Amino acid sequence: MQNVTVYTSDTCGYCQMLKEYLKARQVPYTEKNISTDMSARRELISKGYMGVPVVLVGNETIVGFDKTRLDQIL
């Protein structure tokens, strides 16, 4: 299985839905919460993104909770 990293924030409803989706599919992931982790926030901004959720699956980046695309690559 590919490495999955999820950038989230505490106030993001789509982030919660994304995490529930990944748990239901039993997909292990690393969460980087930009609300509490300033280095994760800087990392996300350095990648050119200002909003969450952002999902990294291997070399692919998905902005937002795109269930259709996640179904295709997971």
PDB file of N, CA and C in Angstrom:
ATOM      1  N   MET A   1       0.839  -1.189   0.000  1.00  0.00           N
ATOM      2  CA  MET A   1       0.000   0.000   0.000  1.00  0.00           C
ATOM      3  C   MET A   1       0.879   1.246   0.000  1.00  0.00           C
ATOM      4  N   GLN A   2       0.423   2.253  -0.708  1.00  0.00           N
ATOM      5  CA  GLN A   2       1.152   3.509  -0.787  1.00  0.00           C
ATOM      6  C   GLN A   2       1.021   4.298   0.514  1.00  0.00           C
ATOM      7  N   ASN A   3       2.015   5.144   0.776  1.00  0.00           N
ATOM      8  CA  ASN A   3       1.939   6.027   1.928  1.00  0.00           C
ATOM      9  C   ASN A   3       0.869   7.070   1.697  1.00  0.00           C
ATOM     10  N   VAL A   4       0.047   7.311   2.730  1.00  0.00           N
ATOM     11  CA  VAL A   4      -1.014   8.312   2.652  1.00  0.00           C
ATOM     12  C   VAL A   4      -0.777   9.331   3.758  1.00  0.00           C
ATOM     13  N   THR A   5      -0.697  10.602   3.370  1.00  0.00           N
ATOM     14  CA  THR A   5      -0.560  11.698   4.323  1.00  0.00           C
ATOM     15  C   THR A   5      -1.732  12.633   4.128  1.00  0.00           C
ATOM     16  N   VAL A   6      -2.341  13.045   5.234  1.00  0.00           N
ATOM     17  CA  VAL A   6      -3.517  13.905   5.187  1.00  0.00           C
ATOM     18  C   VAL A   6      -3.232  15.175   5.987  1.00  0.00           C
ATOM     19  N   TYR A   7      -3.338  16.322   5.321  1.00  0.00           N
ATOM     20  CA  TYR A   7      -3.236  17.614   6.003  1.00  0.00           C
ATOM     21  C   TYR A   7      -4.648  18.036   6.392  1.00  0.00           C
ATOM     22  N   THR A   8      -4.835  18.341   7.673  1.00  0.00           N
ATOM     23  CA  THR A   8      -6.156  18.668   8.205  1.00  0.00           C
ATOM     24  C   THR A   8      -6.078  19.907   9.096  1.00  0.00           C
ATOM     25  N   SER A   9      -7.267  20.352   9.536  1.00  0.00           N
ATOM     26  CA  SER A   9      -7.350  21.356  10.596  1.00  0.00           C
ATOM     27  C   SER A   9      -8.519  20.976  11.506  1.00  0.00           C
ATOM     28  N   ASP A  10      -8.519  21.561  12.682  1.00  0.00           N
ATOM     29  CA  ASP A  10      -9.536  21.213  13.683  1.00  0.00           C
ATOM     30  C   ASP A  10     -10.948  21.614  13.272  1.00  0.00           C
ATOM     31  N   THR A  11     -11.082  22.657  12.465  1.00  0.00           N
ATOM     32  CA  THR A  11     -12.407  23.196  12.145  1.00  0.00           C
ATOM     33  C   THR A  11     -12.923  22.781  10.771  1.00  0.00           C
ATOM     34  N   CYS A  12     -12.280  21.824  10.137  1.00  0.00           N
ATOM     35  CA  CYS A  12     -12.611  21.434   8.769  1.00  0.00           C
ATOM     36  C   CYS A  12     -13.541  20.220   8.754  1.00  0.00           C
ATOM     37  N   GLY A  13     -14.782  20.431   8.327  1.00  0.00           N
ATOM     38  CA  GLY A  13     -15.749  19.339   8.243  1.00  0.00           C
ATOM     39  C   GLY A  13     -15.367  18.290   7.202  1.00  0.00           C
ATOM     40  N   TYR A  14     -14.824  18.749   6.073  1.00  0.00           N
ATOM     41  CA  TYR A  14     -14.404  17.806   5.034  1.00  0.00           C
ATOM     42  C   TYR A  14     -13.234  16.946   5.505  1.00  0.00           C
ATOM     43  N   CYS A  15     -12.395  17.506   6.369  1.00  0.00           N
ATOM     44  CA  CYS A  15     -11.280  16.734   6.933  1.00  0.00           C
ATOM     45  C   CYS A  15     -11.827  15.574   7.771  1.00  0.00           C
ATOM     46  N   GLN A  16     -12.851  15.849   8.567  1.00  0.00           N
ATOM     47  CA  GLN A  16     -13.461  14.794   9.386  1.00  0.00           C
ATOM     48  C   GLN A  16     -14.056  13.702   8.501  1.00  0.00           C
ATOM     49  N   MET A  17     -14.759  14.113   7.442  1.00  0.00           N
ATOM     50  CA  MET A  17     -15.352  13.131   6.526  1.00  0.00           C
ATOM     51  C   MET A  17     -14.264  12.303   5.850  1.00  0.00           C
ATOM     52  N   LEU A  18     -13.169  12.934   5.474  1.00  0.00           N
ATOM     53  CA  LEU A  18     -12.059  12.236   4.839  1.00  0.00           C
ATOM     54  C   LEU A  18     -11.461  11.196   5.781  1.00  0.00           C
ATOM     55  N   LYS A  19     -11.219  11.580   7.028  1.00  0.00           N
ATOM     56  CA  LYS A  19     -10.632  10.642   7.995  1.00  0.00           C
ATOM     57  C   LYS A  19     -11.577   9.478   8.260  1.00  0.00           C
ATOM     58  N   GLU A  20     -12.878   9.739   8.352  1.00  0.00           N
ATOM     59  CA  GLU A  20     -13.858   8.664   8.541  1.00  0.00           C
ATOM     60  C   GLU A  20     -13.863   7.722   7.338  1.00  0.00           C
ATOM     61  N   TYR A  21     -13.763   8.282   6.140  1.00  0.00           N
ATOM     62  CA  TYR A  21     -13.708   7.483   4.913  1.00  0.00           C
ATOM     63  C   TYR A  21     -12.477   6.560   4.924  1.00  0.00           C
ATOM     64  N   LEU A  22     -11.313   7.111   5.268  1.00  0.00           N
ATOM     65  CA  LEU A  22     -10.089   6.314   5.284  1.00  0.00           C
ATOM     66  C   LEU A  22     -10.154   5.221   6.350  1.00  0.00           C
ATOM     67  N   LYS A  23     -10.693   5.545   7.512  1.00  0.00           N
ATOM     68  CA  LYS A  23     -10.835   4.534   8.572  1.00  0.00           C
ATOM     69  C   LYS A  23     -11.780   3.427   8.144  1.00  0.00           C
ATOM     70  N   ALA A  24     -12.891   3.782   7.504  1.00  0.00           N
ATOM     71  CA  ALA A  24     -13.862   2.785   7.047  1.00  0.00           C
ATOM     72  C   ALA A  24     -13.241   1.848   6.012  1.00  0.00           C
ATOM     73  N   ARG A  25     -12.344   2.380   5.183  1.00  0.00           N
ATOM     74  CA  ARG A  25     -11.656   1.566   4.167  1.00  0.00           C
ATOM     75  C   ARG A  25     -10.405   0.903   4.719  1.00  0.00           C
ATOM     76  N   GLN A  26     -10.123   1.143   6.012  1.00  0.00           N
ATOM     77  CA  GLN A  26      -8.953   0.589   6.705  1.00  0.00           C
ATOM     78  C   GLN A  26      -7.650   0.976   6.007  1.00  0.00           C
ATOM     79  N   VAL A  27      -7.585   2.240   5.602  1.00  0.00           N
ATOM     80  CA  VAL A  27      -6.390   2.777   4.964  1.00  0.00           C
ATOM     81  C   VAL A  27      -5.566   3.489   6.035  1.00  0.00           C
ATOM     82  N   PRO A  28      -4.359   2.984   6.315  1.00  0.00           N
ATOM     83  CA  PRO A  28      -3.516   3.687   7.290  1.00  0.00           C
ATOM     84  C   PRO A  28      -3.027   5.007   6.702  1.00  0.00           C
ATOM     85  N   TYR A  29      -2.975   6.034   7.545  1.00  0.00           N
ATOM     86  CA  TYR A  29      -2.542   7.343   7.071  1.00  0.00           C
ATOM     87  C   TYR A  29      -1.845   8.100   8.183  1.00  0.00           C
ATOM     88  N   THR A  30      -1.059   9.073   7.785  1.00  0.00           N
ATOM     89  CA  THR A  30      -0.411   9.988   8.708  1.00  0.00           C
ATOM     90  C   THR A  30      -1.152  11.309   8.629  1.00  0.00           C
ATOM     91  N   GLU A  31      -1.595  11.793   9.774  1.00  0.00           N
ATOM     92  CA  GLU A  31      -2.306  13.070   9.807  1.00  0.00           C
ATOM     93  C   GLU A  31      -1.360  14.182  10.219  1.00  0.00           C
ATOM     94  N   LYS A  32      -1.430  15.282   9.499  1.00  0.00           N
ATOM     95  CA  LYS A  32      -0.673  16.483   9.850  1.00  0.00           C
ATOM     96  C   LYS A  32      -1.682  17.608  10.040  1.00  0.00           C
ATOM     97  N   ASN A  33      -1.920  17.957  11.299  1.00  0.00           N
ATOM     98  CA  ASN A  33      -2.930  18.944  11.648  1.00  0.00           C
ATOM     99  C   ASN A  33      -2.300  20.330  11.654  1.00  0.00           C
ATOM    100  N   ILE A  34      -2.693  21.162  10.692  1.00  0.00           N
ATOM    101  CA  ILE A  34      -2.086  22.487  10.580  1.00  0.00           C
ATOM    102  C   ILE A  34      -2.589  23.462  11.645  1.00  0.00           C
ATOM    103  N   SER A  35      -3.623  23.071  12.387  1.00  0.00           N
ATOM    104  CA  SER A  35      -4.104  23.922  13.485  1.00  0.00           C
ATOM    105  C   SER A  35      -3.173  23.859  14.682  1.00  0.00           C
ATOM    106  N   THR A  36      -2.537  22.714  14.870  1.00  0.00           N
ATOM    107  CA  THR A  36      -1.721  22.506  16.063  1.00  0.00           C
ATOM    108  C   THR A  36      -0.238  22.315  15.765  1.00  0.00           C
ATOM    109  N   ASP A  37       0.110  22.101  14.507  1.00  0.00           N
ATOM    110  CA  ASP A  37       1.497  21.814  14.133  1.00  0.00           C
ATOM    111  C   ASP A  37       1.968  22.858  13.119  1.00  0.00           C
ATOM    112  N   MET A  38       2.722  23.836  13.607  1.00  0.00           N
ATOM    113  CA  MET A  38       3.155  24.931  12.741  1.00  0.00           C
ATOM    114  C   MET A  38       4.118  24.450  11.652  1.00  0.00           C
ATOM    115  N   SER A  39       4.906  23.420  11.920  1.00  0.00           N
ATOM    116  CA  SER A  39       5.799  22.913  10.874  1.00  0.00           C
ATOM    117  C   SER A  39       4.984  22.257   9.758  1.00  0.00           C
ATOM    118  N   ALA A  40       3.870  21.605  10.108  1.00  0.00           N
ATOM    119  CA  ALA A  40       2.986  21.025   9.090  1.00  0.00           C
ATOM    120  C   ALA A  40       2.346  22.136   8.264  1.00  0.00           C
ATOM    121  N   ARG A  41       1.984  23.234   8.921  1.00  0.00           N
ATOM    122  CA  ARG A  41       1.396  24.377   8.214  1.00  0.00           C
ATOM    123  C   ARG A  41       2.393  24.954   7.205  1.00  0.00           C
ATOM    124  N   ARG A  42       3.642  25.146   7.657  1.00  0.00           N
ATOM    125  CA  ARG A  42       4.675  25.672   6.756  1.00  0.00           C
ATOM    126  C   ARG A  42       4.934  24.702   5.600  1.00  0.00           C
ATOM    127  N   GLU A  43       4.938  23.417   5.907  1.00  0.00           N
ATOM    128  CA  GLU A  43       5.148  22.388   4.883  1.00  0.00           C
ATOM    129  C   GLU A  43       4.055  22.456   3.818  1.00  0.00           C
ATOM    130  N   LEU A  44       2.804  22.580   4.248  1.00  0.00           N
ATOM    131  CA  LEU A  44       1.674  22.646   3.317  1.00  0.00           C
ATOM    132  C   LEU A  44       1.774  23.896   2.440  1.00  0.00           C
ATOM    133  N   ILE A  45       2.082  25.021   3.054  1.00  0.00           N
ATOM    134  CA  ILE A  45       2.215  26.273   2.307  1.00  0.00           C
ATOM    135  C   ILE A  45       3.368  26.184   1.307  1.00  0.00           C
ATOM    136  N   SER A  46       4.462  25.531   1.711  1.00  0.00           N
ATOM    137  CA  SER A  46       5.610  25.399   0.804  1.00  0.00           C
ATOM    138  C   SER A  46       5.264  24.552  -0.420  1.00  0.00           C
ATOM    139  N   LYS A  47       4.262  23.699  -0.297  1.00  0.00           N
ATOM    140  CA  LYS A  47       3.799  22.887  -1.423  1.00  0.00           C
ATOM    141  C   LYS A  47       2.824  23.670  -2.312  1.00  0.00           C
ATOM    142  N   GLY A  48       2.458  24.885  -1.865  1.00  0.00           N
ATOM    143  CA  GLY A  48       1.601  25.741  -2.667  1.00  0.00           C
ATOM    144  C   GLY A  48       0.126  25.673  -2.312  1.00  0.00           C
ATOM    145  N   TYR A  49      -0.215  25.093  -1.157  1.00  0.00           N
ATOM    146  CA  TYR A  49      -1.615  24.946  -0.759  1.00  0.00           C
ATOM    147  C   TYR A  49      -1.896  25.786   0.474  1.00  0.00           C
ATOM    148  N   MET A  50      -3.100  26.371   0.498  1.00  0.00           N
ATOM    149  CA  MET A  50      -3.491  27.203   1.631  1.00  0.00           C
ATOM    150  C   MET A  50      -4.672  26.607   2.393  1.00  0.00           C
ATOM    151  N   GLY A  51      -5.394  25.678   1.786  1.00  0.00           N
ATOM    152  CA  GLY A  51      -6.570  25.100   2.419  1.00  0.00           C
ATOM    153  C   GLY A  51      -6.421  23.610   2.632  1.00  0.00           C
ATOM    154  N   VAL A  52      -7.314  23.066   3.421  1.00  0.00           N
ATOM    155  CA  VAL A  52      -7.338  21.634   3.714  1.00  0.00           C
ATOM    156  C   VAL A  52      -8.739  21.102   3.430  1.00  0.00           C
ATOM    157  N   PRO A  53      -8.898  19.821   3.239  1.00  0.00           N
ATOM    158  CA  PRO A  53      -7.876  18.788   3.321  1.00  0.00           C
ATOM    159  C   PRO A  53      -7.044  18.695   2.046  1.00  0.00           C
ATOM    160  N   VAL A  54      -5.811  18.278   2.235  1.00  0.00           N
ATOM    161  CA  VAL A  54      -4.926  17.915   1.138  1.00  0.00           C
ATOM    162  C   VAL A  54      -4.438  16.507   1.443  1.00  0.00           C
ATOM    163  N   VAL A  55      -4.558  15.618   0.460  1.00  0.00           N
ATOM    164  CA  VAL A  55      -4.179  14.224   0.637  1.00  0.00           C
ATOM    165  C   VAL A  55      -3.038  13.893  -0.310  1.00  0.00           C
ATOM    166  N   LEU A  56      -1.972  13.329   0.233  1.00  0.00           N
ATOM    167  CA  LEU A  56      -0.866  12.848  -0.586  1.00  0.00           C
ATOM    168  C   LEU A  56      -0.923  11.325  -0.574  1.00  0.00           C
ATOM    169  N   VAL A  57      -1.048  10.739  -1.764  1.00  0.00           N
ATOM    170  CA  VAL A  57      -1.052   9.284  -1.908  1.00  0.00           C
ATOM    171  C   VAL A  57       0.076   8.944  -2.864  1.00  0.00           C
ATOM    172  N   GLY A  58       1.177   8.441  -2.309  1.00  0.00           N
ATOM    173  CA  GLY A  58       2.349   8.218  -3.145  1.00  0.00           C
ATOM    174  C   GLY A  58       2.782   9.543  -3.750  1.00  0.00           C
ATOM    175  N   ASN A  59       2.843   9.613  -5.084  1.00  0.00           N
ATOM    176  CA  ASN A  59       3.242  10.840  -5.776  1.00  0.00           C
ATOM    177  C   ASN A  59       2.058  11.704  -6.194  1.00  0.00           C
ATOM    178  N   GLU A  60       0.847  11.296  -5.851  1.00  0.00           N
ATOM    179  CA  GLU A  60      -0.370  12.006  -6.258  1.00  0.00           C
ATOM    180  C   GLU A  60      -0.869  12.908  -5.131  1.00  0.00           C
ATOM    181  N   THR A  61      -1.326  14.102  -5.501  1.00  0.00           N
ATOM    182  CA  THR A  61      -1.894  15.044  -4.539  1.00  0.00           C
ATOM    183  C   THR A  61      -3.356  15.270  -4.883  1.00  0.00           C
ATOM    184  N   ILE A  62      -4.211  15.173  -3.861  1.00  0.00           N
ATOM    185  CA  ILE A  62      -5.638  15.416  -4.035  1.00  0.00           C
ATOM    186  C   ILE A  62      -6.015  16.561  -3.106  1.00  0.00           C
ATOM    187  N   VAL A  63      -6.582  17.613  -3.674  1.00  0.00           N
ATOM    188  CA  VAL A  63      -7.018  18.765  -2.883  1.00  0.00           C
ATOM    189  C   VAL A  63      -8.511  18.612  -2.643  1.00  0.00           C
ATOM    190  N   GLY A  64      -8.903  18.659  -1.373  1.00  0.00           N
ATOM    191  CA  GLY A  64     -10.305  18.471  -1.009  1.00  0.00           C
ATOM    192  C   GLY A  64     -10.618  16.996  -0.799  1.00  0.00           C
ATOM    193  N   PHE A  65     -11.853  16.718  -0.420  1.00  0.00           N
ATOM    194  CA  PHE A  65     -12.300  15.344  -0.200  1.00  0.00           C
ATOM    195  C   PHE A  65     -12.938  14.855  -1.494  1.00  0.00           C
ATOM    196  N   ASP A  66     -12.108  14.284  -2.352  1.00  0.00           N
ATOM    197  CA  ASP A  66     -12.550  13.785  -3.656  1.00  0.00           C
ATOM    198  C   ASP A  66     -12.668  12.264  -3.558  1.00  0.00           C
ATOM    199  N   LYS A  67     -13.822  11.804  -3.106  1.00  0.00           N
ATOM    200  CA  LYS A  67     -14.044  10.377  -2.871  1.00  0.00           C
ATOM    201  C   LYS A  67     -13.863   9.547  -4.146  1.00  0.00           C
ATOM    202  N   THR A  68     -14.328  10.048  -5.260  1.00  0.00           N
ATOM    203  CA  THR A  68     -14.198   9.333  -6.529  1.00  0.00           C
ATOM    204  C   THR A  68     -12.736   9.093  -6.872  1.00  0.00           C
ATOM    205  N   ARG A  69     -11.924  10.135  -6.752  1.00  0.00           N
ATOM    206  CA  ARG A  69     -10.491   9.990  -7.070  1.00  0.00           C
ATOM    207  C   ARG A  69      -9.796   9.081  -6.063  1.00  0.00           C
ATOM    208  N   LEU A  70     -10.149   9.197  -4.798  1.00  0.00           N
ATOM    209  CA  LEU A  70      -9.560   8.327  -3.778  1.00  0.00           C
ATOM    210  C   LEU A  70      -9.911   6.864  -4.052  1.00  0.00           C
ATOM    211  N   ASP A  71     -11.159   6.599  -4.448  1.00  0.00           N
ATOM    212  CA  ASP A  71     -11.567   5.233  -4.781  1.00  0.00           C
ATOM    213  C   ASP A  71     -10.707   4.675  -5.915  1.00  0.00           C
ATOM    214  N   GLN A  72     -10.324   5.538  -6.857  1.00  0.00           N
ATOM    215  CA  GLN A  72      -9.546   5.090  -8.014  1.00  0.00           C
ATOM    216  C   GLN A  72      -8.106   4.731  -7.623  1.00  0.00           C
ATOM    217  N   ILE A  73      -7.500   5.477  -6.729  1.00  0.00           N
ATOM    218  CA  ILE A  73      -6.080   5.269  -6.462  1.00  0.00           C
ATOM    219  C   ILE A  73      -5.764   4.477  -5.205  1.00  0.00           C
ATOM    220  N   LEU A  74      -6.758   4.248  -4.363  1.00  0.00           N
ATOM    221  CA  LEU A  74      -6.498   3.455  -3.149  1.00  0.00           C
ATOM    222  C   LEU A  74      -6.797   1.980  -3.373  1.00  0.00           C
TER     223      LEU A  74
END
